[in-house]
Amino acid sequence: MRVLLKPYLRADLPLPAVEEALASPIHEHRLAILCLLADRAARALKPRTANAAELAAIYELYLRNTQYIDNWDLVDCSAPQVVGGQLLELPRDPLYKLIASSNLWERRIALVATYQLIRAGETDDTFALAALVLDDQEDLIHKASGWMLREAGKHTAPDELLAFLDTHAPRMPRTMLRYSLERLPAATRKHYLSLPRG
């Protein structure tokens, strides 16, 4: 997909046309559009090409069209750059609105968007959002929250990850727990996995 998209990455197609294309019933069309939007948002973030108005327009388009962002790959290829990128310098309230949604994919957007924040050294929202989905019924939310916890621990907040696990490990869905532990030493993983559930 990315090879096919390469000629279009710098084309900066008009956003109304991009938005229309995002409504395609074909999954791969939507994936292509979201990859283009993610690349465009990432360029709008870079110091040499920074464009706050462009990033805001992409972000607003994205949130208007979450009904078309309806699979894990569509979320994961785009949420960090588009949503996380827009919120780097802004209040994070939209993440908490998304995490409270009845829509699985909007909840996943909230979690995966924090990858951009993690890479900027900001992990508070990752831990806060993960705590809000401890009782979520969807395995794809367990995977996303565990993945973001792992990344937070790996990149900038190893002590905060251990503190989170000390508080929540017995309650964490098994998938979330296993994902969050992947980069920890074997003895540490064994400790948390052996804690009584409840």
N, C-alpha and C. Protein backbone atom coordinates (compact mmCIF):
# COMPACT_ATOMS: atom_id res chain seq x y z
N MET A 1 0.83 -1.21 0.00
CA MET A 1 0.00 0.00 0.00
C MET A 1 0.86 1.26 0.00
N ARG A 2 1.88 1.27 0.86
CA ARG A 2 2.72 2.47 0.95
C ARG A 2 3.53 2.69 -0.33
N VAL A 3 3.94 1.59 -0.97
CA VAL A 3 4.64 1.72 -2.25
C VAL A 3 3.71 2.35 -3.29
N LEU A 4 2.48 1.88 -3.34
CA LEU A 4 1.51 2.43 -4.28
C LEU A 4 1.23 3.90 -4.01
N LEU A 5 1.27 4.28 -2.74
CA LEU A 5 0.93 5.66 -2.37
C LEU A 5 2.07 6.65 -2.58
N LYS A 6 3.29 6.14 -2.73
CA LYS A 6 4.46 7.02 -2.74
C LYS A 6 4.32 8.21 -3.70
N PRO A 7 3.82 8.02 -4.93
CA PRO A 7 3.71 9.20 -5.82
C PRO A 7 2.73 10.26 -5.33
N TYR A 8 1.85 9.90 -4.40
CA TYR A 8 0.79 10.83 -3.97
C TYR A 8 1.09 11.50 -2.63
N LEU A 9 2.20 11.08 -1.97
CA LEU A 9 2.43 11.55 -0.61
C LEU A 9 2.64 13.05 -0.52
N ARG A 10 3.19 13.66 -1.54
CA ARG A 10 3.42 15.11 -1.50
C ARG A 10 2.43 15.87 -2.38
N ALA A 11 1.41 15.18 -2.84
CA ALA A 11 0.47 15.83 -3.77
C ALA A 11 -0.45 16.81 -3.07
N ASP A 12 -0.68 16.63 -1.76
CA ASP A 12 -1.58 17.51 -0.99
C ASP A 12 -2.90 17.74 -1.72
N LEU A 13 -3.59 16.63 -1.94
CA LEU A 13 -4.89 16.69 -2.59
C LEU A 13 -5.84 17.55 -1.78
N PRO A 14 -6.81 18.21 -2.39
CA PRO A 14 -7.75 19.06 -1.64
C PRO A 14 -8.48 18.24 -0.57
N LEU A 15 -8.54 18.77 0.63
CA LEU A 15 -9.13 18.01 1.73
C LEU A 15 -10.59 17.63 1.49
N PRO A 16 -11.43 18.46 0.83
CA PRO A 16 -12.80 17.99 0.56
C PRO A 16 -12.83 16.73 -0.30
N ALA A 17 -11.91 16.62 -1.26
CA ALA A 17 -11.85 15.41 -2.08
C ALA A 17 -11.36 14.22 -1.27
N VAL A 18 -10.42 14.46 -0.38
CA VAL A 18 -9.91 13.40 0.50
C VAL A 18 -11.04 12.90 1.41
N GLU A 19 -11.81 13.84 1.95
CA GLU A 19 -12.92 13.46 2.83
C GLU A 19 -13.96 12.64 2.07
N GLU A 20 -14.23 13.02 0.85
CA GLU A 20 -15.18 12.25 0.05
C GLU A 20 -14.67 10.83 -0.19
N ALA A 21 -13.38 10.71 -0.47
CA ALA A 21 -12.79 9.39 -0.73
C ALA A 21 -12.79 8.52 0.52
N LEU A 22 -12.72 9.14 1.69
CA LEU A 22 -12.70 8.38 2.94
C LEU A 22 -14.01 7.63 3.18
N ALA A 23 -15.06 8.04 2.52
CA ALA A 23 -16.36 7.37 2.67
C ALA A 23 -16.49 6.14 1.77
N SER A 24 -15.43 5.75 1.10
CA SER A 24 -15.49 4.58 0.21
C SER A 24 -15.91 3.33 0.99
N PRO A 25 -16.71 2.46 0.39
CA PRO A 25 -17.06 1.20 1.04
C PRO A 25 -15.91 0.19 1.01
N ILE A 26 -14.84 0.49 0.28
CA ILE A 26 -13.72 -0.45 0.13
C ILE A 26 -12.65 -0.13 1.17
N HIS A 27 -12.37 -1.12 1.99
CA HIS A 27 -11.43 -0.96 3.11
C HIS A 27 -10.09 -0.40 2.64
N GLU A 28 -9.53 -0.95 1.58
CA GLU A 28 -8.21 -0.54 1.12
C GLU A 28 -8.20 0.90 0.65
N HIS A 29 -9.31 1.38 0.10
CA HIS A 29 -9.39 2.80 -0.26
C HIS A 29 -9.27 3.67 0.99
N ARG A 30 -9.99 3.28 2.04
CA ARG A 30 -9.95 4.06 3.28
C ARG A 30 -8.55 4.00 3.91
N LEU A 31 -7.93 2.83 3.85
CA LEU A 31 -6.57 2.69 4.37
C LEU A 31 -5.62 3.63 3.63
N ALA A 32 -5.74 3.68 2.31
CA ALA A 32 -4.88 4.56 1.53
C ALA A 32 -5.08 6.02 1.92
N ILE A 33 -6.33 6.43 2.05
CA ILE A 33 -6.62 7.82 2.41
C ILE A 33 -6.07 8.15 3.80
N LEU A 34 -6.23 7.23 4.74
CA LEU A 34 -5.76 7.49 6.10
C LEU A 34 -4.24 7.52 6.17
N CYS A 35 -3.57 6.69 5.35
CA CYS A 35 -2.11 6.76 5.28
C CYS A 35 -1.66 8.11 4.72
N LEU A 36 -2.37 8.60 3.70
CA LEU A 36 -2.05 9.92 3.15
C LEU A 36 -2.26 11.02 4.18
N LEU A 37 -3.37 10.94 4.92
CA LEU A 37 -3.64 11.96 5.94
C LEU A 37 -2.60 11.91 7.06
N ALA A 38 -2.20 10.70 7.45
CA ALA A 38 -1.18 10.56 8.50
C ALA A 38 0.14 11.17 8.06
N ASP A 39 0.53 10.91 6.82
CA ASP A 39 1.77 11.48 6.30
C ASP A 39 1.68 13.01 6.25
N ARG A 40 0.54 13.49 5.83
CA ARG A 40 0.35 14.94 5.73
C ARG A 40 0.36 15.59 7.11
N ALA A 41 -0.26 14.94 8.08
CA ALA A 41 -0.25 15.46 9.45
C ALA A 41 1.16 15.46 10.02
N ALA A 42 1.91 14.39 9.75
CA ALA A 42 3.28 14.31 10.25
C ALA A 42 4.14 15.44 9.66
N ARG A 43 3.94 15.74 8.38
CA ARG A 43 4.69 16.84 7.77
C ARG A 43 4.29 18.18 8.37
N ALA A 44 3.00 18.32 8.69
CA ALA A 44 2.53 19.59 9.28
C ALA A 44 3.09 19.80 10.68
N LEU A 45 3.60 18.74 11.29
CA LEU A 45 4.18 18.83 12.64
C LEU A 45 5.66 19.20 12.63
N LYS A 46 6.33 18.90 11.53
CA LYS A 46 7.79 19.09 11.50
C LYS A 46 8.15 20.56 11.55
N PRO A 47 9.22 20.90 12.28
CA PRO A 47 9.57 22.33 12.43
C PRO A 47 9.73 23.07 11.11
N ARG A 48 10.36 22.45 10.13
CA ARG A 48 10.62 23.15 8.87
C ARG A 48 9.35 23.36 8.04
N THR A 49 8.38 22.49 8.23
CA THR A 49 7.16 22.58 7.42
C THR A 49 5.91 22.75 8.29
N ALA A 50 6.11 23.21 9.52
CA ALA A 50 5.00 23.30 10.47
C ALA A 50 3.84 24.11 9.91
N ASN A 51 2.64 23.57 10.07
CA ASN A 51 1.45 24.23 9.54
C ASN A 51 0.29 23.88 10.46
N ALA A 52 0.08 24.71 11.47
CA ALA A 52 -0.94 24.43 12.48
C ALA A 52 -2.34 24.39 11.87
N ALA A 53 -2.61 25.26 10.91
CA ALA A 53 -3.94 25.28 10.30
C ALA A 53 -4.20 24.01 9.51
N GLU A 54 -3.21 23.53 8.80
CA GLU A 54 -3.34 22.29 8.04
C GLU A 54 -3.60 21.11 8.97
N LEU A 55 -2.82 21.03 10.05
CA LEU A 55 -2.98 19.94 11.00
C LEU A 55 -4.37 19.97 11.64
N ALA A 56 -4.82 21.15 12.01
CA ALA A 56 -6.15 21.29 12.62
C ALA A 56 -7.24 20.86 11.64
N ALA A 57 -7.09 21.21 10.37
CA ALA A 57 -8.09 20.84 9.37
C ALA A 57 -8.14 19.32 9.18
N ILE A 58 -6.98 18.69 9.17
CA ILE A 58 -6.92 17.23 9.03
C ILE A 58 -7.56 16.56 10.25
N TYR A 59 -7.23 17.07 11.41
CA TYR A 59 -7.78 16.54 12.67
C TYR A 59 -9.31 16.64 12.69
N GLU A 60 -9.83 17.79 12.30
CA GLU A 60 -11.29 17.97 12.30
C GLU A 60 -11.96 17.06 11.27
N LEU A 61 -11.35 16.92 10.11
CA LEU A 61 -11.86 16.00 9.10
C LEU A 61 -11.92 14.58 9.66
N TYR A 62 -10.85 14.19 10.32
CA TYR A 62 -10.72 12.84 10.88
C TYR A 62 -11.83 12.56 11.90
N LEU A 63 -12.03 13.47 12.83
CA LEU A 63 -13.03 13.23 13.87
C LEU A 63 -14.46 13.33 13.35
N ARG A 64 -14.66 14.03 12.25
CA ARG A 64 -15.99 14.06 11.61
C ARG A 64 -16.32 12.73 10.94
N ASN A 65 -15.32 11.92 10.70
CA ASN A 65 -15.49 10.73 9.86
C ASN A 65 -15.09 9.44 10.55
N THR A 66 -15.19 9.40 11.86
CA THR A 66 -14.77 8.17 12.56
C THR A 66 -15.62 6.97 12.19
N GLN A 67 -16.82 7.19 11.63
CA GLN A 67 -17.64 6.04 11.22
C GLN A 67 -16.97 5.25 10.11
N TYR A 68 -16.02 5.87 9.40
CA TYR A 68 -15.31 5.17 8.33
C TYR A 68 -13.98 4.59 8.80
N ILE A 69 -13.60 4.89 10.02
CA ILE A 69 -12.34 4.39 10.58
C ILE A 69 -12.72 3.21 11.48
N ASP A 70 -12.96 2.08 10.84
CA ASP A 70 -13.67 1.00 11.51
C ASP A 70 -12.92 -0.34 11.50
N ASN A 71 -11.61 -0.24 11.61
CA ASN A 71 -10.80 -1.45 11.77
C ASN A 71 -9.50 -1.06 12.45
N TRP A 72 -8.83 -2.04 13.06
CA TRP A 72 -7.64 -1.72 13.85
C TRP A 72 -6.54 -1.10 12.99
N ASP A 73 -6.35 -1.58 11.75
CA ASP A 73 -5.28 -1.04 10.93
C ASP A 73 -5.56 0.40 10.51
N LEU A 74 -6.82 0.73 10.31
CA LEU A 74 -7.18 2.10 9.95
C LEU A 74 -6.87 3.06 11.10
N VAL A 75 -7.16 2.62 12.32
CA VAL A 75 -6.84 3.43 13.50
C VAL A 75 -5.33 3.56 13.67
N ASP A 76 -4.65 2.42 13.62
CA ASP A 76 -3.24 2.40 14.01
C ASP A 76 -2.34 3.15 13.04
N CYS A 77 -2.73 3.21 11.75
CA CYS A 77 -1.89 3.92 10.77
C CYS A 77 -2.06 5.42 10.84
N SER A 78 -3.05 5.91 11.58
CA SER A 78 -3.39 7.33 11.48
C SER A 78 -3.58 8.07 12.80
N ALA A 79 -4.06 7.41 13.82
CA ALA A 79 -4.40 8.13 15.06
C ALA A 79 -3.21 8.84 15.71
N PRO A 80 -2.01 8.22 15.77
CA PRO A 80 -0.91 8.96 16.42
C PRO A 80 -0.59 10.28 15.73
N GLN A 81 -0.47 10.25 14.41
CA GLN A 81 -0.08 11.46 13.69
C GLN A 81 -1.19 12.50 13.69
N VAL A 82 -2.42 12.06 13.43
CA VAL A 82 -3.52 13.03 13.25
C VAL A 82 -4.04 13.52 14.60
N VAL A 83 -4.44 12.60 15.46
CA VAL A 83 -5.04 13.00 16.74
C VAL A 83 -3.95 13.34 17.77
N GLY A 84 -3.00 12.44 17.93
CA GLY A 84 -1.92 12.73 18.87
C GLY A 84 -1.12 13.96 18.48
N GLY A 85 -0.87 14.10 17.18
CA GLY A 85 -0.12 15.27 16.72
C GLY A 85 -0.83 16.57 17.00
N GLN A 86 -2.13 16.61 16.75
CA GLN A 86 -2.90 17.83 16.99
C GLN A 86 -2.93 18.18 18.48
N LEU A 87 -2.97 17.16 19.34
CA LEU A 87 -3.14 17.42 20.77
C LEU A 87 -1.83 17.58 21.53
N LEU A 88 -0.71 17.53 20.83
CA LEU A 88 0.58 17.68 21.52
C LEU A 88 0.63 18.96 22.35
N GLU A 89 0.13 20.05 21.80
CA GLU A 89 0.22 21.35 22.48
C GLU A 89 -1.13 21.84 22.97
N LEU A 90 -2.11 20.96 23.02
CA LEU A 90 -3.47 21.36 23.38
C LEU A 90 -3.99 20.52 24.54
N PRO A 91 -5.08 20.97 25.19
CA PRO A 91 -5.70 20.14 26.23
C PRO A 91 -6.12 18.79 25.64
N ARG A 92 -6.06 17.78 26.46
CA ARG A 92 -6.30 16.40 26.01
C ARG A 92 -7.75 15.96 26.19
N ASP A 93 -8.66 16.89 26.47
CA ASP A 93 -10.06 16.53 26.69
C ASP A 93 -10.65 15.65 25.59
N PRO A 94 -10.32 15.89 24.31
CA PRO A 94 -10.91 15.03 23.27
C PRO A 94 -10.59 13.55 23.45
N LEU A 95 -9.44 13.23 24.01
CA LEU A 95 -9.10 11.82 24.25
C LEU A 95 -10.07 11.19 25.24
N TYR A 96 -10.46 11.96 26.24
CA TYR A 96 -11.34 11.42 27.28
C TYR A 96 -12.78 11.32 26.78
N LYS A 97 -13.13 12.18 25.83
CA LYS A 97 -14.44 12.03 25.19
C LYS A 97 -14.45 10.77 24.32
N LEU A 98 -13.38 10.55 23.58
CA LEU A 98 -13.29 9.36 22.72
C LEU A 98 -13.27 8.07 23.55
N ILE A 99 -12.55 8.07 24.65
CA ILE A 99 -12.42 6.84 25.44
C ILE A 99 -13.74 6.46 26.08
N ALA A 100 -14.64 7.42 26.23
CA ALA A 100 -15.96 7.15 26.82
C ALA A 100 -16.99 6.75 25.77
N SER A 101 -16.58 6.70 24.50
CA SER A 101 -17.51 6.39 23.42
C SER A 101 -17.98 4.95 23.48
N SER A 102 -19.17 4.71 22.98
CA SER A 102 -19.65 3.33 22.83
C SER A 102 -19.06 2.67 21.59
N ASN A 103 -18.38 3.45 20.77
CA ASN A 103 -17.76 2.96 19.54
C ASN A 103 -16.35 2.43 19.85
N LEU A 104 -16.16 1.15 19.62
CA LEU A 104 -14.88 0.49 19.86
C LEU A 104 -13.73 1.25 19.21
N TRP A 105 -13.93 1.68 17.96
CA TRP A 105 -12.83 2.29 17.21
C TRP A 105 -12.49 3.67 17.74
N GLU A 106 -13.46 4.40 18.24
CA GLU A 106 -13.16 5.70 18.85
C GLU A 106 -12.36 5.50 20.14
N ARG A 107 -12.69 4.47 20.90
CA ARG A 107 -11.89 4.18 22.10
C ARG A 107 -10.46 3.80 21.72
N ARG A 108 -10.32 3.02 20.66
CA ARG A 108 -8.97 2.65 20.23
C ARG A 108 -8.21 3.88 19.71
N ILE A 109 -8.90 4.78 19.00
CA ILE A 109 -8.25 6.01 18.56
C ILE A 109 -7.67 6.76 19.76
N ALA A 110 -8.45 6.89 20.84
CA ALA A 110 -7.96 7.61 22.02
C ALA A 110 -6.67 7.00 22.55
N LEU A 111 -6.64 5.68 22.65
CA LEU A 111 -5.46 5.00 23.19
C LEU A 111 -4.26 5.12 22.27
N VAL A 112 -4.46 4.78 21.00
CA VAL A 112 -3.34 4.74 20.06
C VAL A 112 -2.81 6.14 19.76
N ALA A 113 -3.67 7.15 19.84
CA ALA A 113 -3.22 8.53 19.65
C ALA A 113 -2.13 8.91 20.63
N THR A 114 -2.13 8.30 21.81
CA THR A 114 -1.14 8.68 22.82
C THR A 114 0.27 8.25 22.44
N TYR A 115 0.42 7.43 21.42
CA TYR A 115 1.78 7.05 21.00
C TYR A 115 2.59 8.28 20.63
N GLN A 116 1.94 9.25 19.98
CA GLN A 116 2.63 10.50 19.63
C GLN A 116 3.04 11.25 20.90
N LEU A 117 2.19 11.23 21.92
CA LEU A 117 2.51 11.91 23.17
C LEU A 117 3.66 11.19 23.88
N ILE A 118 3.61 9.86 23.88
CA ILE A 118 4.68 9.07 24.49
C ILE A 118 6.02 9.44 23.87
N ARG A 119 6.05 9.52 22.55
CA ARG A 119 7.30 9.83 21.86
C ARG A 119 7.80 11.23 22.18
N ALA A 120 6.89 12.09 22.64
CA ALA A 120 7.28 13.43 23.08
C ALA A 120 7.60 13.47 24.57
N GLY A 121 7.60 12.30 25.22
CA GLY A 121 7.95 12.22 26.63
C GLY A 121 6.79 12.45 27.58
N GLU A 122 5.56 12.42 27.06
CA GLU A 122 4.38 12.67 27.89
C GLU A 122 3.55 11.39 28.00
N THR A 123 3.48 10.85 29.21
CA THR A 123 2.82 9.55 29.39
C THR A 123 1.61 9.59 30.33
N ASP A 124 1.34 10.72 30.95
CA ASP A 124 0.25 10.78 31.93
C ASP A 124 -1.08 10.34 31.33
N ASP A 125 -1.36 10.80 30.10
CA ASP A 125 -2.64 10.45 29.49
C ASP A 125 -2.71 8.97 29.13
N THR A 126 -1.60 8.39 28.75
CA THR A 126 -1.59 6.95 28.45
C THR A 126 -2.02 6.16 29.68
N PHE A 127 -1.42 6.46 30.81
CA PHE A 127 -1.76 5.72 32.03
C PHE A 127 -3.19 6.00 32.47
N ALA A 128 -3.62 7.25 32.34
CA ALA A 128 -4.99 7.60 32.75
C ALA A 128 -6.02 6.90 31.88
N LEU A 129 -5.81 6.88 30.58
CA LEU A 129 -6.75 6.24 29.67
C LEU A 129 -6.76 4.73 29.87
N ALA A 130 -5.59 4.14 30.09
CA ALA A 130 -5.53 2.69 30.32
C ALA A 130 -6.32 2.31 31.57
N ALA A 131 -6.28 3.14 32.59
CA ALA A 131 -7.04 2.85 33.80
C ALA A 131 -8.54 2.89 33.54
N LEU A 132 -8.95 3.69 32.56
CA LEU A 132 -10.38 3.82 32.26
C LEU A 132 -10.93 2.63 31.47
N VAL A 133 -10.06 1.81 30.89
CA VAL A 133 -10.56 0.69 30.09
C VAL A 133 -10.26 -0.67 30.72
N LEU A 134 -9.98 -0.67 32.01
CA LEU A 134 -9.71 -1.94 32.69
C LEU A 134 -10.88 -2.91 32.59
N ASP A 135 -12.09 -2.38 32.52
CA ASP A 135 -13.27 -3.24 32.45
C ASP A 135 -13.87 -3.31 31.05
N ASP A 136 -13.14 -2.79 30.06
CA ASP A 136 -13.65 -2.83 28.69
C ASP A 136 -13.79 -4.29 28.25
N GLN A 137 -14.81 -4.57 27.47
CA GLN A 137 -15.10 -5.94 27.05
C GLN A 137 -14.41 -6.33 25.75
N GLU A 138 -13.76 -5.39 25.08
CA GLU A 138 -13.21 -5.65 23.76
C GLU A 138 -11.72 -5.99 23.81
N ASP A 139 -11.36 -7.13 23.23
CA ASP A 139 -9.97 -7.56 23.21
C ASP A 139 -9.09 -6.56 22.45
N LEU A 140 -9.63 -5.93 21.41
CA LEU A 140 -8.82 -4.96 20.65
C LEU A 140 -8.51 -3.70 21.47
N ILE A 141 -9.30 -3.43 22.49
CA ILE A 141 -8.98 -2.35 23.43
C ILE A 141 -7.92 -2.83 24.42
N HIS A 142 -8.05 -4.07 24.88
CA HIS A 142 -7.02 -4.63 25.76
C HIS A 142 -5.66 -4.60 25.08
N LYS A 143 -5.62 -4.99 23.79
CA LYS A 143 -4.36 -5.00 23.05
C LYS A 143 -3.80 -3.59 22.91
N ALA A 144 -4.65 -2.63 22.55
CA ALA A 144 -4.18 -1.26 22.36
C ALA A 144 -3.67 -0.65 23.65
N SER A 145 -4.38 -0.86 24.74
CA SER A 145 -3.95 -0.27 26.01
C SER A 145 -2.66 -0.92 26.50
N GLY A 146 -2.57 -2.25 26.36
CA GLY A 146 -1.33 -2.92 26.75
C GLY A 146 -0.14 -2.48 25.91
N TRP A 147 -0.38 -2.31 24.62
CA TRP A 147 0.67 -1.84 23.71
C TRP A 147 1.15 -0.45 24.13
N MET A 148 0.23 0.47 24.40
CA MET A 148 0.63 1.83 24.78
C MET A 148 1.32 1.84 26.15
N LEU A 149 0.85 1.01 27.07
CA LEU A 149 1.55 0.92 28.36
C LEU A 149 2.99 0.44 28.17
N ARG A 150 3.15 -0.58 27.33
CA ARG A 150 4.49 -1.09 27.04
C ARG A 150 5.37 0.02 26.47
N GLU A 151 4.83 0.78 25.51
CA GLU A 151 5.62 1.83 24.88
C GLU A 151 5.95 2.93 25.88
N ALA A 152 5.01 3.27 26.75
CA ALA A 152 5.27 4.29 27.77
C ALA A 152 6.40 3.84 28.68
N GLY A 153 6.36 2.57 29.10
CA GLY A 153 7.41 2.04 29.96
C GLY A 153 8.74 1.97 29.26
N LYS A 154 8.71 1.62 27.99
CA LYS A 154 9.96 1.46 27.23
C LYS A 154 10.62 2.80 26.94
N HIS A 155 9.83 3.80 26.58
CA HIS A 155 10.41 5.06 26.10
C HIS A 155 10.78 6.02 27.22
N THR A 156 9.86 6.27 28.14
CA THR A 156 10.11 7.39 29.06
C THR A 156 9.71 7.15 30.50
N ALA A 157 8.91 6.13 30.78
CA ALA A 157 8.32 6.06 32.12
C ALA A 157 8.35 4.63 32.70
N PRO A 158 9.54 4.03 32.82
CA PRO A 158 9.57 2.66 33.35
C PRO A 158 9.05 2.57 34.78
N ASP A 159 9.37 3.55 35.61
CA ASP A 159 8.89 3.52 37.00
C ASP A 159 7.38 3.70 37.06
N GLU A 160 6.85 4.56 36.21
CA GLU A 160 5.40 4.78 36.19
C GLU A 160 4.67 3.53 35.72
N LEU A 161 5.26 2.80 34.77
CA LEU A 161 4.64 1.54 34.33
C LEU A 161 4.59 0.55 35.49
N LEU A 162 5.67 0.42 36.24
CA LEU A 162 5.68 -0.51 37.38
C LEU A 162 4.67 -0.07 38.43
N ALA A 163 4.55 1.23 38.65
CA ALA A 163 3.56 1.72 39.62
C ALA A 163 2.15 1.40 39.15
N PHE A 164 1.90 1.57 37.85
CA PHE A 164 0.59 1.23 37.29
C PHE A 164 0.31 -0.26 37.49
N LEU A 165 1.29 -1.08 37.21
CA LEU A 165 1.11 -2.53 37.35
C LEU A 165 0.91 -2.92 38.81
N ASP A 166 1.63 -2.27 39.72
CA ASP A 166 1.45 -2.57 41.14
C ASP A 166 0.01 -2.30 41.57
N THR A 167 -0.58 -1.25 41.02
CA THR A 167 -1.94 -0.88 41.39
C THR A 167 -2.99 -1.72 40.67
N HIS A 168 -2.76 -1.98 39.38
CA HIS A 168 -3.84 -2.51 38.54
C HIS A 168 -3.65 -3.93 38.01
N ALA A 169 -2.47 -4.50 38.11
CA ALA A 169 -2.22 -5.79 37.46
C ALA A 169 -3.26 -6.86 37.79
N PRO A 170 -3.68 -7.02 39.04
CA PRO A 170 -4.66 -8.08 39.31
C PRO A 170 -6.00 -7.89 38.60
N ARG A 171 -6.31 -6.64 38.22
CA ARG A 171 -7.58 -6.35 37.56
C ARG A 171 -7.46 -6.29 36.04
N MET A 172 -6.26 -6.18 35.55
CA MET A 172 -6.06 -5.97 34.11
C MET A 172 -6.48 -7.20 33.33
N PRO A 173 -7.19 -7.02 32.22
CA PRO A 173 -7.44 -8.15 31.33
C PRO A 173 -6.11 -8.80 30.95
N ARG A 174 -6.12 -10.10 30.81
CA ARG A 174 -4.87 -10.84 30.60
C ARG A 174 -4.11 -10.34 29.37
N THR A 175 -4.82 -10.03 28.30
CA THR A 175 -4.15 -9.55 27.09
C THR A 175 -3.47 -8.22 27.35
N MET A 176 -4.15 -7.30 28.02
CA MET A 176 -3.55 -6.01 28.35
C MET A 176 -2.30 -6.20 29.19
N LEU A 177 -2.40 -7.07 30.18
CA LEU A 177 -1.27 -7.30 31.06
C LEU A 177 -0.08 -7.88 30.29
N ARG A 178 -0.33 -8.89 29.49
CA ARG A 178 0.76 -9.53 28.74
C ARG A 178 1.43 -8.54 27.78
N TYR A 179 0.65 -7.76 27.07
CA TYR A 179 1.24 -6.77 26.16
C TYR A 179 2.10 -5.77 26.94
N SER A 180 1.60 -5.32 28.08
CA SER A 180 2.32 -4.29 28.84
C SER A 180 3.64 -4.80 29.41
N LEU A 181 3.75 -6.10 29.60
CA LEU A 181 4.94 -6.70 30.23
C LEU A 181 6.03 -7.08 29.24
N GLU A 182 5.77 -7.00 27.95
CA GLU A 182 6.65 -7.62 26.96
C GLU A 182 8.10 -7.18 27.02
N ARG A 183 8.37 -5.96 27.41
CA ARG A 183 9.75 -5.45 27.43
C ARG A 183 10.38 -5.51 28.82
N LEU A 184 9.69 -6.08 29.78
CA LEU A 184 10.22 -6.15 31.14
C LEU A 184 11.02 -7.44 31.33
N PRO A 185 11.93 -7.45 32.32
CA PRO A 185 12.72 -8.67 32.57
C PRO A 185 11.82 -9.86 32.90
N ALA A 186 12.31 -11.05 32.61
CA ALA A 186 11.52 -12.28 32.78
C ALA A 186 11.00 -12.41 34.21
N ALA A 187 11.83 -12.10 35.18
CA ALA A 187 11.40 -12.25 36.58
C ALA A 187 10.27 -11.28 36.91
N THR A 188 10.34 -10.09 36.36
CA THR A 188 9.28 -9.10 36.59
C THR A 188 7.98 -9.55 35.94
N ARG A 189 8.10 -10.05 34.71
CA ARG A 189 6.90 -10.56 34.03
C ARG A 189 6.27 -11.69 34.83
N LYS A 190 7.09 -12.58 35.31
CA LYS A 190 6.58 -13.73 36.07
C LYS A 190 5.87 -13.27 37.33
N HIS A 191 6.43 -12.25 37.99
CA HIS A 191 5.82 -11.73 39.22
C HIS A 191 4.41 -11.24 38.96
N TYR A 192 4.26 -10.37 37.94
CA TYR A 192 2.93 -9.79 37.69
C TYR A 192 1.94 -10.82 37.15
N LEU A 193 2.43 -11.74 36.36
CA LEU A 193 1.52 -12.76 35.83
C LEU A 193 1.04 -13.74 36.89
N SER A 194 1.81 -13.85 37.98
CA SER A 194 1.45 -14.79 39.03
C SER A 194 0.57 -14.18 40.13
N LEU A 195 0.31 -12.88 40.03
CA LEU A 195 -0.51 -12.24 41.06
C LEU A 195 -1.92 -12.79 41.01
N PRO A 196 -2.58 -12.96 42.16
CA PRO A 196 -3.96 -13.44 42.15
C PRO A 196 -4.86 -12.48 41.37
N ARG A 197 -5.78 -13.05 40.61
CA ARG A 197 -6.69 -12.25 39.81
C ARG A 197 -7.85 -11.75 40.66
N GLY A 198 -8.37 -10.56 40.29
CA GLY A 198 -9.52 -10.07 41.01
C GLY A 198 -9.52 -8.58 41.15
